[in-house]
Amino acid sequence: MERDGKMGGPLGVSKEGYAGRLEVLSGPTGRRQRTEADKARIVAESLLPDARVAEVARKHGVTRWQIYDWRKKLRKGHLALPD
């Protein structure tokens, strides 16, 4: 802290506006790509009697909102349940 009580900037960094080089990285984002069959299987499991969406979501590493979205796609005919 400085004498006037204000926080100073990072040490050793110029305040002239130059931020340095920006490097853009490409590649996997860490998001899982699920197949339509996987989504349908998870939705089918969430529709079983006594199934809780939050528990099914946690079990498969998805959010409950993804399952609700996939259910909506199922109702609209954009996703088919497994045989």
Protein backbone atom coordinates (compact mmCIF):
# COMPACT_ATOMS: atom_id res chain seq x y z
CA MET A 1 0.00 0.00 0.00
CA GLU A 2 1.10 3.49 -0.69
CA ARG A 3 1.11 6.26 1.90
CA ASP A 4 -2.28 7.62 0.79
CA GLY A 5 -3.92 4.23 1.41
CA LYS A 6 -4.37 3.37 -2.28
CA MET A 7 -3.15 0.14 -3.77
CA GLY A 8 -0.34 0.51 -6.26
CA GLY A 9 -0.03 -1.36 -9.54
CA PRO A 10 1.86 -4.63 -9.97
CA LEU A 11 5.57 -4.36 -9.26
CA GLY A 12 7.84 -4.15 -12.27
CA VAL A 13 5.04 -3.45 -14.75
CA SER A 14 5.11 -0.37 -16.91
CA LYS A 15 2.06 1.87 -16.69
CA GLU A 16 2.58 3.26 -20.20
CA GLY A 17 -0.15 1.12 -21.78
CA TYR A 18 1.88 -1.61 -23.47
CA ALA A 19 0.43 -4.94 -22.38
CA GLY A 20 2.97 -7.16 -24.09
CA ARG A 21 2.46 -9.98 -26.54
CA LEU A 22 -0.90 -11.76 -26.68
CA GLU A 23 -0.78 -15.43 -27.58
CA VAL A 24 -3.93 -17.19 -28.75
CA LEU A 25 -4.02 -20.90 -28.01
CA SER A 26 -6.14 -23.28 -30.00
CA GLY A 27 -7.21 -26.78 -29.20
CA PRO A 28 -9.64 -28.59 -26.90
CA THR A 29 -11.69 -26.34 -24.64
CA GLY A 30 -12.19 -28.95 -21.95
CA ARG A 31 -15.82 -29.42 -22.91
CA ARG A 32 -17.08 -32.89 -23.56
CA GLN A 33 -18.68 -33.64 -26.88
CA ARG A 34 -21.52 -36.07 -26.25
CA THR A 35 -23.05 -38.13 -29.03
CA GLU A 36 -26.78 -38.02 -29.66
CA ALA A 37 -26.94 -41.61 -28.38
CA ASP A 38 -25.26 -40.60 -25.09
CA LYS A 39 -27.65 -37.68 -24.63
CA ALA A 40 -30.65 -39.93 -25.36
CA ARG A 41 -29.42 -42.56 -22.89
CA ILE A 42 -28.98 -39.94 -20.15
CA VAL A 43 -32.44 -38.47 -20.86
CA ALA A 44 -34.00 -41.94 -20.78
CA GLU A 45 -32.40 -42.57 -17.39
CA SER A 46 -33.74 -39.24 -16.09
CA LEU A 47 -37.26 -40.21 -17.14
CA LEU A 48 -37.32 -43.43 -15.11
CA PRO A 49 -39.71 -43.53 -12.15
CA ASP A 50 -38.08 -42.26 -8.94
CA ALA A 51 -35.14 -40.78 -10.91
CA ARG A 52 -33.90 -37.38 -9.79
CA VAL A 53 -32.52 -35.18 -12.53
CA ALA A 54 -29.81 -33.72 -10.28
CA GLU A 55 -28.55 -37.18 -9.33
CA VAL A 56 -28.54 -38.39 -12.95
CA ALA A 57 -26.71 -35.22 -13.99
CA ARG A 58 -24.08 -35.62 -11.28
CA LYS A 59 -23.59 -39.28 -12.19
CA HIS A 60 -22.87 -38.42 -15.84
CA GLY A 61 -20.93 -35.20 -15.28
CA VAL A 62 -23.49 -32.85 -16.84
CA THR A 63 -25.69 -30.11 -15.45
CA ARG A 64 -29.37 -30.65 -14.79
CA TRP A 65 -30.08 -27.80 -17.22
CA GLN A 66 -28.44 -29.80 -20.00
CA ILE A 67 -30.76 -32.69 -19.23
CA TYR A 68 -33.78 -30.38 -19.26
CA ASP A 69 -32.62 -29.00 -22.62
CA TRP A 70 -32.17 -32.51 -24.02
CA ARG A 71 -35.67 -33.41 -22.76
CA LYS A 72 -37.03 -30.40 -24.64
CA LYS A 73 -35.24 -31.59 -27.79
CA LEU A 74 -36.79 -35.03 -27.25
CA ARG A 75 -40.29 -33.52 -27.04
CA LYS A 76 -39.68 -31.54 -30.24
CA GLY A 77 -38.44 -34.65 -32.05
CA HIS A 78 -34.81 -33.50 -32.35
CA LEU A 79 -33.58 -36.36 -30.14
CA ALA A 80 -34.70 -40.00 -30.17
CA LEU A 81 -34.72 -42.35 -27.18
CA PRO A 82 -32.51 -45.44 -27.47
CA ASP A 83 -34.18 -48.72 -28.47
